[in-house]
Amino acid sequence: MRKIFLTVFFIFLLSPSVFAATKQTKENRAYFPPVIMYHDIKSKAMNEFDVLAKDFAAQLDWLKNNGYQTLSIEEFISYVKQGKDFPEKSVLITFDDGYSGVYHYAFPELKKRGMKATVCIITDVIGVFTTVYVHVTEKQLKNMAKSGLISIASHTMSHSDFYLIDERARKKELEDSKKILEKITGKKVQAFVYPYGNYNKEIIEAVKSAGYALSFAVGDNGYCDEPARYSIPRISMGLELCKDDQKLFKQYIKEYKDMPADAFIDRWKPLSEDMWRWQGQEK
């Protein structure tokens, strides 16, 4: 699983088309908040997907000092459903998989600053400890959900690649993970994250049928003639973006709405022009 994740990370990070500037002007499009994808937060990194606790704290400080407000997933969904423009300098922070470092390192830093984030949980590994990876426990998950700062999203039950399993298995992964998380937290789970970022039109339809309001990918595969809220790309975080005083982190946050054209301009521009409905209906 880690090897595949690492491959996806570098394809997304180093692709020349990603983060390319466009000829569109700011006045021609709505602001859409950067969506950041973290995995684990650690005191000592074990792979390229980890972010050191000190770097995470520095990134939060930079966001706060530069006027960014963090959104809960509920707030994010509310703007999407209403078709309203997002607040300027808003941002959505997400964590994939549900590693314990999110609870021990990220959560305290978020609380210290009153900032919000969304944790995307693989339900089969809640409370699982191995020699390499430790996941949040049910108690820790409850504590985060009760804080009012942490929202919970589904990242399936087993992190199975949706390209490789059949319709029935996908349905179970989508529906059962949602039920499990709602039972643990006592809150409605409205967002879903694709394992490995893999989706297509059939998978999007399954996500919609399972009752999710929106879903997140990694890179951009196009939105398959479906509402864009079911294929939202994210900035993939890791050690590379933390180098040189968070140079790439800052750049990607600032340029998110400008890159790449097919993913961001064509996708979100109609929101401000009122030409498009989240339900996929023309005006």
C-alpha atoms as a PDB file:
ATOM      1  CA  MET A   1       0.000   0.000   0.000  1.00  0.00           C
ATOM      2  CA  ARG A   2       2.792   2.441   0.946  1.00  0.00           C
ATOM      3  CA  LYS A   3       4.674   1.826  -2.289  1.00  0.00           C
ATOM      4  CA  ILE A   4       1.602   2.665  -4.345  1.00  0.00           C
ATOM      5  CA  PHE A   5       0.937   5.763  -2.217  1.00  0.00           C
ATOM      6  CA  LEU A   6       4.499   6.964  -2.739  1.00  0.00           C
ATOM      7  CA  THR A   7       4.244   6.509  -6.510  1.00  0.00           C
ATOM      8  CA  VAL A   8       0.990   8.497  -6.625  1.00  0.00           C
ATOM      9  CA  PHE A   9       2.556  11.226  -4.497  1.00  0.00           C
ATOM     10  CA  PHE A  10       5.498  11.851  -6.812  1.00  0.00           C
ATOM     11  CA  ILE A  11       3.410  11.619  -9.978  1.00  0.00           C
ATOM     12  CA  PHE A  12       1.133  14.290  -8.549  1.00  0.00           C
ATOM     13  CA  LEU A  13       3.916  16.401  -7.102  1.00  0.00           C
ATOM     14  CA  LEU A  14       6.306  16.421 -10.032  1.00  0.00           C
ATOM     15  CA  SER A  15       3.976  16.374 -13.030  1.00  0.00           C
ATOM     16  CA  PRO A  16       4.685  19.466 -15.179  1.00  0.00           C
ATOM     17  CA  SER A  17       0.960  20.018 -15.745  1.00  0.00           C
ATOM     18  CA  VAL A  18       0.223  20.286 -12.039  1.00  0.00           C
ATOM     19  CA  PHE A  19       0.314  23.825 -10.627  1.00  0.00           C
ATOM     20  CA  ALA A  20       0.720  25.332 -14.126  1.00  0.00           C
ATOM     21  CA  ALA A  21      -0.298  28.968 -14.439  1.00  0.00           C
ATOM     22  CA  THR A  22      -3.318  29.819 -16.555  1.00  0.00           C
ATOM     23  CA  LYS A  23      -4.421  32.726 -18.735  1.00  0.00           C
ATOM     24  CA  GLN A  24      -7.636  33.186 -16.768  1.00  0.00           C
ATOM     25  CA  THR A  25      -7.966  36.296 -14.623  1.00  0.00           C
ATOM     26  CA  LYS A  26      -9.037  36.242 -10.995  1.00  0.00           C
ATOM     27  CA  GLU A  27     -12.191  38.213 -11.802  1.00  0.00           C
ATOM     28  CA  ASN A  28     -13.397  35.401 -14.074  1.00  0.00           C
ATOM     29  CA  ARG A  29     -13.640  32.736 -11.411  1.00  0.00           C
ATOM     30  CA  ALA A  30     -14.867  32.127  -7.885  1.00  0.00           C
ATOM     31  CA  TYR A  31     -12.444  31.524  -5.044  1.00  0.00           C
ATOM     32  CA  PHE A  32     -12.203  27.844  -4.233  1.00  0.00           C
ATOM     33  CA  PRO A  33     -10.368  26.902  -1.027  1.00  0.00           C
ATOM     34  CA  PRO A  34      -7.160  24.893  -1.200  1.00  0.00           C
ATOM     35  CA  VAL A  35      -7.794  21.329  -0.021  1.00  0.00           C
ATOM     36  CA  ILE A  36      -4.737  19.857   1.716  1.00  0.00           C
ATOM     37  CA  MET A  37      -4.130  16.121   2.113  1.00  0.00           C
ATOM     38  CA  TYR A  38      -1.928  15.018   5.004  1.00  0.00           C
ATOM     39  CA  HIS A  39      -1.299  11.464   6.159  1.00  0.00           C
ATOM     40  CA  ASP A  40       0.639  11.052   9.415  1.00  0.00           C
ATOM     41  CA  ILE A  41       2.194  13.723  11.622  1.00  0.00           C
ATOM     42  CA  LYS A  42       5.297  12.477  13.446  1.00  0.00           C
ATOM     43  CA  SER A  43       8.228  13.536  15.614  1.00  0.00           C
ATOM     44  CA  LYS A  44      10.476  11.561  13.246  1.00  0.00           C
ATOM     45  CA  ALA A  45       9.495  10.877   9.631  1.00  0.00           C
ATOM     46  CA  MET A  46       9.402   7.294   8.365  1.00  0.00           C
ATOM     47  CA  ASN A  47       8.489   7.985   4.717  1.00  0.00           C
ATOM     48  CA  GLU A  48       7.904  10.822   2.261  1.00  0.00           C
ATOM     49  CA  PHE A  49       4.235  11.106   3.234  1.00  0.00           C
ATOM     50  CA  ASP A  50       4.951  11.939   6.855  1.00  0.00           C
ATOM     51  CA  VAL A  51       5.079  15.546   8.010  1.00  0.00           C
ATOM     52  CA  LEU A  52       7.105  16.464  11.079  1.00  0.00           C
ATOM     53  CA  ALA A  53       5.149  17.950  13.975  1.00  0.00           C
ATOM     54  CA  LYS A  54       7.303  21.075  13.931  1.00  0.00           C
ATOM     55  CA  ASP A  55       6.625  21.593  10.226  1.00  0.00           C
ATOM     56  CA  PHE A  56       2.901  21.056  10.686  1.00  0.00           C
ATOM     57  CA  ALA A  57       2.849  23.679  13.454  1.00  0.00           C
ATOM     58  CA  ALA A  58       4.797  26.080  11.217  1.00  0.00           C
ATOM     59  CA  GLN A  59       2.299  25.546   8.396  1.00  0.00           C
ATOM     60  CA  LEU A  60      -0.647  26.269  10.685  1.00  0.00           C
ATOM     61  CA  ASP A  61       1.064  29.423  11.913  1.00  0.00           C
ATOM     62  CA  TRP A  62       1.694  30.561   8.346  1.00  0.00           C
ATOM     63  CA  LEU A  63      -1.957  29.986   7.412  1.00  0.00           C
ATOM     64  CA  LYS A  64      -3.177  31.855  10.476  1.00  0.00           C
ATOM     65  CA  ASN A  65      -0.693  34.712  10.129  1.00  0.00           C
ATOM     66  CA  ASN A  66      -1.647  35.154   6.473  1.00  0.00           C
ATOM     67  CA  GLY A  67      -5.364  35.434   7.116  1.00  0.00           C
ATOM     68  CA  TYR A  68      -6.541  31.935   6.165  1.00  0.00           C
ATOM     69  CA  GLN A  69      -9.541  30.449   7.935  1.00  0.00           C
ATOM     70  CA  THR A  70      -9.958  26.697   8.202  1.00  0.00           C
ATOM     71  CA  LEU A  71     -13.304  25.135   7.325  1.00  0.00           C
ATOM     72  CA  SER A  72     -15.012  22.122   8.840  1.00  0.00           C
ATOM     73  CA  ILE A  73     -16.276  19.592   6.311  1.00  0.00           C
ATOM     74  CA  GLU A  74     -19.809  20.590   7.312  1.00  0.00           C
ATOM     75  CA  GLU A  75     -19.092  24.220   6.431  1.00  0.00           C
ATOM     76  CA  PHE A  76     -17.413  23.169   3.198  1.00  0.00           C
ATOM     77  CA  ILE A  77     -20.430  21.070   2.212  1.00  0.00           C
ATOM     78  CA  SER A  78     -22.822  23.878   3.111  1.00  0.00           C
ATOM     79  CA  TYR A  79     -21.112  26.269   0.680  1.00  0.00           C
ATOM     80  CA  VAL A  80     -21.112  23.575  -1.989  1.00  0.00           C
ATOM     81  CA  LYS A  81     -24.779  22.643  -1.615  1.00  0.00           C
ATOM     82  CA  GLN A  82     -25.931  26.241  -1.611  1.00  0.00           C
ATOM     83  CA  GLY A  83     -23.789  27.088  -4.631  1.00  0.00           C
ATOM     84  CA  LYS A  84     -22.301  30.004  -2.700  1.00  0.00           C
ATOM     85  CA  ASP A  85     -18.811  31.382  -3.181  1.00  0.00           C
ATOM     86  CA  PHE A  86     -16.399  30.314  -0.463  1.00  0.00           C
ATOM     87  CA  PRO A  87     -14.868  32.979   1.782  1.00  0.00           C
ATOM     88  CA  GLU A  88     -11.621  34.396   0.429  1.00  0.00           C
ATOM     89  CA  LYS A  89      -8.611  32.738   2.062  1.00  0.00           C
ATOM     90  CA  SER A  90     -10.490  29.753   3.397  1.00  0.00           C
ATOM     91  CA  VAL A  91      -8.828  26.331   3.373  1.00  0.00           C
ATOM     92  CA  LEU A  92      -9.816  22.714   4.058  1.00  0.00           C
ATOM     93  CA  ILE A  93      -7.322  20.487   5.894  1.00  0.00           C
ATOM     94  CA  THR A  94      -7.742  16.711   5.557  1.00  0.00           C
ATOM     95  CA  PHE A  95      -5.882  13.707   7.002  1.00  0.00           C
ATOM     96  CA  ASP A  96      -6.094  10.313   5.280  1.00  0.00           C
ATOM     97  CA  ASP A  97      -6.112   6.875   6.967  1.00  0.00           C
ATOM     98  CA  GLY A  98      -6.471   7.886  10.635  1.00  0.00           C
ATOM     99  CA  TYR A  99      -2.960   7.509  12.025  1.00  0.00           C
ATOM    100  CA  SER A 100      -2.351   8.135  15.719  1.00  0.00           C
ATOM    101  CA  GLY A 101       0.003  11.016  14.958  1.00  0.00           C
ATOM    102  CA  VAL A 102      -3.048  13.022  13.959  1.00  0.00           C
ATOM    103  CA  TYR A 103      -4.365  12.649  17.507  1.00  0.00           C
ATOM    104  CA  HIS A 104      -1.063  13.052  19.365  1.00  0.00           C
ATOM    105  CA  TYR A 105       0.523  15.815  17.281  1.00  0.00           C
ATOM    106  CA  ALA A 106      -1.906  17.476  14.861  1.00  0.00           C
ATOM    107  CA  PHE A 107      -4.965  17.662  17.112  1.00  0.00           C
ATOM    108  CA  PRO A 108      -3.189  19.577  19.942  1.00  0.00           C
ATOM    109  CA  GLU A 109      -1.727  22.071  17.467  1.00  0.00           C
ATOM    110  CA  LEU A 110      -5.130  22.622  15.877  1.00  0.00           C
ATOM    111  CA  LYS A 111      -6.756  23.100  19.303  1.00  0.00           C
ATOM    112  CA  LYS A 112      -4.068  25.552  20.340  1.00  0.00           C
ATOM    113  CA  ARG A 113      -5.003  27.771  17.391  1.00  0.00           C
ATOM    114  CA  GLY A 114      -8.736  27.041  17.213  1.00  0.00           C
ATOM    115  CA  MET A 115      -8.327  25.629  13.700  1.00  0.00           C
ATOM    116  CA  LYS A 116     -10.445  22.946  12.032  1.00  0.00           C
ATOM    117  CA  ALA A 117      -9.659  19.797  10.056  1.00  0.00           C
ATOM    118  CA  THR A 118     -11.237  16.601   8.696  1.00  0.00           C
ATOM    119  CA  VAL A 119      -9.916  13.122   9.499  1.00  0.00           C
ATOM    120  CA  CYS A 120     -10.676  10.455   6.879  1.00  0.00           C
ATOM    121  CA  ILE A 121     -10.868   7.063   8.572  1.00  0.00           C
ATOM    122  CA  ILE A 122     -10.300   3.482   7.389  1.00  0.00           C
ATOM    123  CA  THR A 123     -12.648   1.715   9.787  1.00  0.00           C
ATOM    124  CA  ASP A 124     -11.011  -1.745   9.741  1.00  0.00           C
ATOM    125  CA  VAL A 125      -7.821  -0.352  11.260  1.00  0.00           C
ATOM    126  CA  ILE A 126      -9.308   1.768  14.053  1.00  0.00           C
ATOM    127  CA  GLY A 127      -7.190   0.965  17.120  1.00  0.00           C
ATOM    128  CA  VAL A 128      -4.789  -1.267  15.177  1.00  0.00           C
ATOM    129  CA  PHE A 129      -1.160  -1.190  16.387  1.00  0.00           C
ATOM    130  CA  THR A 130       1.701  -2.630  14.331  1.00  0.00           C
ATOM    131  CA  THR A 131       5.457  -2.303  14.609  1.00  0.00           C
ATOM    132  CA  VAL A 132       5.346   0.364  11.888  1.00  0.00           C
ATOM    133  CA  TYR A 133       1.945   2.078  11.947  1.00  0.00           C
ATOM    134  CA  VAL A 134      -0.423   2.985  14.747  1.00  0.00           C
ATOM    135  CA  HIS A 135      -3.995   4.103  14.110  1.00  0.00           C
ATOM    136  CA  VAL A 136      -6.338   6.139  16.268  1.00  0.00           C
ATOM    137  CA  THR A 137      -8.468   4.270  18.769  1.00  0.00           C
ATOM    138  CA  GLU A 138     -12.229   4.537  18.994  1.00  0.00           C
ATOM    139  CA  LYS A 139     -11.866   6.631  22.152  1.00  0.00           C
ATOM    140  CA  GLN A 140      -9.477   9.038  20.439  1.00  0.00           C
ATOM    141  CA  LEU A 141     -11.805   9.291  17.473  1.00  0.00           C
ATOM    142  CA  LYS A 142     -14.699  10.166  19.793  1.00  0.00           C
ATOM    143  CA  ASN A 143     -12.611  12.799  21.585  1.00  0.00           C
ATOM    144  CA  MET A 144     -11.678  14.492  18.316  1.00  0.00           C
ATOM    145  CA  ALA A 145     -15.253  14.419  17.019  1.00  0.00           C
ATOM    146  CA  LYS A 146     -16.552  15.964  20.274  1.00  0.00           C
ATOM    147  CA  SER A 147     -14.087  18.846  20.111  1.00  0.00           C
ATOM    148  CA  GLY A 148     -16.022  20.759  17.470  1.00  0.00           C
ATOM    149  CA  LEU A 149     -12.768  21.241  15.543  1.00  0.00           C
ATOM    150  CA  ILE A 150     -12.430  17.813  13.932  1.00  0.00           C
ATOM    151  CA  SER A 151     -14.880  16.434  11.365  1.00  0.00           C
ATOM    152  CA  ILE A 152     -14.895  12.778  10.333  1.00  0.00           C
ATOM    153  CA  ALA A 153     -15.050  11.403   6.788  1.00  0.00           C
ATOM    154  CA  SER A 154     -14.966   7.854   5.419  1.00  0.00           C
ATOM    155  CA  HIS A 155     -11.930   6.381   3.694  1.00  0.00           C
ATOM    156  CA  THR A 156     -13.650   2.967   3.327  1.00  0.00           C
ATOM    157  CA  MET A 157     -13.406  -0.081   5.582  1.00  0.00           C
ATOM    158  CA  SER A 158     -10.286  -1.727   4.165  1.00  0.00           C
ATOM    159  CA  HIS A 159      -8.710   0.770   1.741  1.00  0.00           C
ATOM    160  CA  SER A 160      -9.418  -1.574  -1.159  1.00  0.00           C
ATOM    161  CA  ASP A 161      -8.733  -0.176  -4.618  1.00  0.00           C
ATOM    162  CA  PHE A 162     -12.175   0.568  -6.103  1.00  0.00           C
ATOM    163  CA  TYR A 163     -10.809  -0.202  -9.568  1.00  0.00           C
ATOM    164  CA  LEU A 164     -10.171  -3.804  -8.475  1.00  0.00           C
ATOM    165  CA  ILE A 165     -13.313  -4.751  -6.546  1.00  0.00           C
ATOM    166  CA  ASP A 166     -16.834  -5.356  -7.840  1.00  0.00           C
ATOM    167  CA  GLU A 167     -19.962  -3.264  -7.402  1.00  0.00           C
ATOM    168  CA  ARG A 168     -21.211  -5.248  -4.413  1.00  0.00           C
ATOM    169  CA  ALA A 169     -17.905  -4.915  -2.560  1.00  0.00           C
ATOM    170  CA  ARG A 170     -17.750  -1.172  -3.252  1.00  0.00           C
ATOM    171  CA  LYS A 171     -21.272  -0.754  -1.927  1.00  0.00           C
ATOM    172  CA  LYS A 172     -20.331  -2.519   1.311  1.00  0.00           C
ATOM    173  CA  GLU A 173     -17.147  -0.477   1.730  1.00  0.00           C
ATOM    174  CA  LEU A 174     -19.065   2.755   1.241  1.00  0.00           C
ATOM    175  CA  GLU A 175     -22.152   2.018   3.311  1.00  0.00           C
ATOM    176  CA  ASP A 176     -20.678   0.043   6.199  1.00  0.00           C
ATOM    177  CA  SER A 177     -17.806   2.443   6.860  1.00  0.00           C
ATOM    178  CA  LYS A 178     -20.308   5.297   6.978  1.00  0.00           C
ATOM    179  CA  LYS A 179     -22.509   3.467   9.483  1.00  0.00           C
ATOM    180  CA  ILE A 180     -19.570   2.501  11.700  1.00  0.00           C
ATOM    181  CA  LEU A 181     -18.239   6.053  11.884  1.00  0.00           C
ATOM    182  CA  GLU A 182     -21.667   7.525  12.544  1.00  0.00           C
ATOM    183  CA  LYS A 183     -22.199   5.035  15.382  1.00  0.00           C
ATOM    184  CA  ILE A 184     -18.842   5.894  16.965  1.00  0.00           C
ATOM    185  CA  THR A 185     -19.116   9.677  16.667  1.00  0.00           C
ATOM    186  CA  GLY A 186     -22.877  10.158  16.850  1.00  0.00           C
ATOM    187  CA  LYS A 187     -22.544  12.514  13.876  1.00  0.00           C
ATOM    188  CA  LYS A 188     -23.532  12.267  10.234  1.00  0.00           C
ATOM    189  CA  VAL A 189     -20.691  11.312   7.888  1.00  0.00           C
ATOM    190  CA  GLN A 190     -21.141  13.204   4.631  1.00  0.00           C
ATOM    191  CA  ALA A 191     -17.743  13.056   2.885  1.00  0.00           C
ATOM    192  CA  PHE A 192     -15.786  10.229   1.287  1.00  0.00           C
ATOM    193  CA  VAL A 193     -12.156   9.855   0.188  1.00  0.00           C
ATOM    194  CA  TYR A 194     -11.232   7.490  -2.670  1.00  0.00           C
ATOM    195  CA  PRO A 195      -8.564   4.887  -1.847  1.00  0.00           C
ATOM    196  CA  TYR A 196      -5.463   5.669  -3.948  1.00  0.00           C
ATOM    197  CA  GLY A 197      -7.477   8.541  -5.434  1.00  0.00           C
ATOM    198  CA  ASN A 198      -9.058   6.130  -7.941  1.00  0.00           C
ATOM    199  CA  TYR A 199     -12.475   6.977  -9.333  1.00  0.00           C
ATOM    200  CA  ASN A 200     -14.532   6.868 -12.515  1.00  0.00           C
ATOM    201  CA  LYS A 201     -18.149   7.521 -13.450  1.00  0.00           C
ATOM    202  CA  GLU A 202     -19.353   4.191 -12.025  1.00  0.00           C
ATOM    203  CA  ILE A 203     -17.522   4.741  -8.739  1.00  0.00           C
ATOM    204  CA  ILE A 204     -18.856   8.281  -8.432  1.00  0.00           C
ATOM    205  CA  GLU A 205     -22.383   6.956  -8.878  1.00  0.00           C
ATOM    206  CA  ALA A 206     -21.785   4.440  -6.075  1.00  0.00           C
ATOM    207  CA  VAL A 207     -20.585   7.238  -3.773  1.00  0.00           C
ATOM    208  CA  LYS A 208     -23.694   9.294  -4.522  1.00  0.00           C
ATOM    209  CA  SER A 209     -25.967   6.289  -3.972  1.00  0.00           C
ATOM    210  CA  ALA A 210     -24.367   5.628  -0.579  1.00  0.00           C
ATOM    211  CA  GLY A 211     -25.496   9.066   0.583  1.00  0.00           C
ATOM    212  CA  TYR A 212     -22.288  11.085   0.545  1.00  0.00           C
ATOM    213  CA  ALA A 213     -22.543  14.797  -0.226  1.00  0.00           C
ATOM    214  CA  LEU A 214     -19.105  14.967  -1.840  1.00  0.00           C
ATOM    215  CA  SER A 215     -15.841  13.074  -2.296  1.00  0.00           C
ATOM    216  CA  PHE A 216     -12.140  13.801  -2.573  1.00  0.00           C
ATOM    217  CA  ALA A 217      -9.432  12.437  -4.835  1.00  0.00           C
ATOM    218  CA  VAL A 218      -5.690  13.116  -4.994  1.00  0.00           C
ATOM    219  CA  GLY A 219      -4.874  14.289  -8.504  1.00  0.00           C
ATOM    220  CA  ASP A 220      -7.458  15.116 -11.118  1.00  0.00           C
ATOM    221  CA  ASN A 221      -8.948  12.528 -13.473  1.00  0.00           C
ATOM    222  CA  GLY A 222     -11.711  14.790 -14.736  1.00  0.00           C
ATOM    223  CA  TYR A 223     -15.208  14.797 -13.329  1.00  0.00           C
ATOM    224  CA  CYS A 224     -16.752  12.182 -15.607  1.00  0.00           C
ATOM    225  CA  ASP A 225     -19.823  14.230 -16.569  1.00  0.00           C
ATOM    226  CA  GLU A 226     -20.770  14.314 -12.886  1.00  0.00           C
ATOM    227  CA  PRO A 227     -20.979  17.230 -10.443  1.00  0.00           C
ATOM    228  CA  ALA A 228     -17.441  18.387  -9.627  1.00  0.00           C
ATOM    229  CA  ARG A 229     -18.007  17.890  -5.917  1.00  0.00           C
ATOM    230  CA  TYR A 230     -17.474  14.142  -6.406  1.00  0.00           C
ATOM    231  CA  SER A 231     -13.921  14.476  -7.727  1.00  0.00           C
ATOM    232  CA  ILE A 232     -12.229  17.224  -5.727  1.00  0.00           C
ATOM    233  CA  PRO A 233      -8.416  17.131  -6.092  1.00  0.00           C
ATOM    234  CA  ARG A 234      -6.126  17.881  -3.153  1.00  0.00           C
ATOM    235  CA  ILE A 235      -2.601  19.128  -2.482  1.00  0.00           C
ATOM    236  CA  SER A 236      -0.638  16.027  -1.448  1.00  0.00           C
ATOM    237  CA  MET A 237       1.520  16.883   1.572  1.00  0.00           C
ATOM    238  CA  GLY A 238       4.843  15.303   2.492  1.00  0.00           C
ATOM    239  CA  LEU A 239       8.443  16.035   3.374  1.00  0.00           C
ATOM    240  CA  GLU A 240       9.179  17.648  -0.005  1.00  0.00           C
ATOM    241  CA  LEU A 241       6.685  20.459   0.577  1.00  0.00           C
ATOM    242  CA  CYS A 242       8.203  21.259   3.974  1.00  0.00           C
ATOM    243  CA  LYS A 243      11.715  22.054   2.750  1.00  0.00           C
ATOM    244  CA  ASP A 244      13.215  25.555   2.610  1.00  0.00           C
ATOM    245  CA  ASP A 245      10.903  27.116   5.172  1.00  0.00           C
ATOM    246  CA  GLN A 246       7.778  25.457   3.714  1.00  0.00           C
ATOM    247  CA  LYS A 247       8.493  27.013   0.302  1.00  0.00           C
ATOM    248  CA  LEU A 248       6.383  24.627  -1.815  1.00  0.00           C
ATOM    249  CA  PHE A 249       3.614  24.462   0.783  1.00  0.00           C
ATOM    250  CA  LYS A 250       3.206  28.227   0.635  1.00  0.00           C
ATOM    251  CA  GLN A 251       3.431  28.294  -3.159  1.00  0.00           C
ATOM    252  CA  TYR A 252       0.799  25.607  -3.655  1.00  0.00           C
ATOM    253  CA  ILE A 253      -1.613  27.183  -1.190  1.00  0.00           C
ATOM    254  CA  LYS A 254      -1.302  30.539  -2.956  1.00  0.00           C
ATOM    255  CA  GLU A 255      -1.582  29.080  -6.465  1.00  0.00           C
ATOM    256  CA  TYR A 256      -4.189  26.369  -5.860  1.00  0.00           C
ATOM    257  CA  LYS A 257      -6.978  28.164  -7.681  1.00  0.00           C
ATOM    258  CA  ASP A 258      -4.731  28.739 -10.698  1.00  0.00           C
ATOM    259  CA  MET A 259      -3.651  25.124 -11.302  1.00  0.00           C
ATOM    260  CA  PRO A 260      -4.016  23.156 -13.438  1.00  0.00           C
ATOM    261  CA  ALA A 261      -6.546  24.736 -15.808  1.00  0.00           C
ATOM    262  CA  ASP A 262      -8.601  21.613 -16.509  1.00  0.00           C
ATOM    263  CA  ALA A 263      -8.887  20.741 -12.830  1.00  0.00           C
ATOM    264  CA  PHE A 264      -9.561  24.125 -11.311  1.00  0.00           C
ATOM    265  CA  ILE A 265     -10.663  26.769 -13.807  1.00  0.00           C
ATOM    266  CA  ASP A 266     -13.120  24.761 -15.891  1.00  0.00           C
ATOM    267  CA  ARG A 267     -14.337  23.027 -12.770  1.00  0.00           C
ATOM    268  CA  TRP A 268     -15.071  25.934 -10.449  1.00  0.00           C
ATOM    269  CA  LYS A 269     -15.510  28.896 -12.797  1.00  0.00           C
ATOM    270  CA  PRO A 270     -19.252  28.203 -13.378  1.00  0.00           C
ATOM    271  CA  LEU A 271     -19.894  28.469  -9.642  1.00  0.00           C
ATOM    272  CA  SER A 272     -19.436  32.233  -9.772  1.00  0.00           C
ATOM    273  CA  GLU A 273     -21.173  32.624 -13.137  1.00  0.00           C
ATOM    274  CA  ASP A 274     -24.288  30.776 -11.964  1.00  0.00           C
ATOM    275  CA  MET A 275     -24.239  28.587 -15.095  1.00  0.00           C
ATOM    276  CA  TRP A 276     -24.042  25.312 -13.270  1.00  0.00           C
ATOM    277  CA  ARG A 277     -25.832  23.464 -10.511  1.00  0.00           C
ATOM    278  CA  TRP A 278     -24.264  21.068  -8.013  1.00  0.00           C
ATOM    279  CA  GLN A 279     -27.008  18.636  -8.953  1.00  0.00           C
ATOM    280  CA  GLY A 280     -25.626  18.633 -12.495  1.00  0.00           C
ATOM    281  CA  GLN A 281     -28.579  20.483 -14.022  1.00  0.00           C
ATOM    282  CA  GLU A 282     -28.181  23.320 -16.499  1.00  0.00           C
ATOM    283  CA  LYS A 283     -29.694  26.665 -15.748  1.00  0.00           C
END
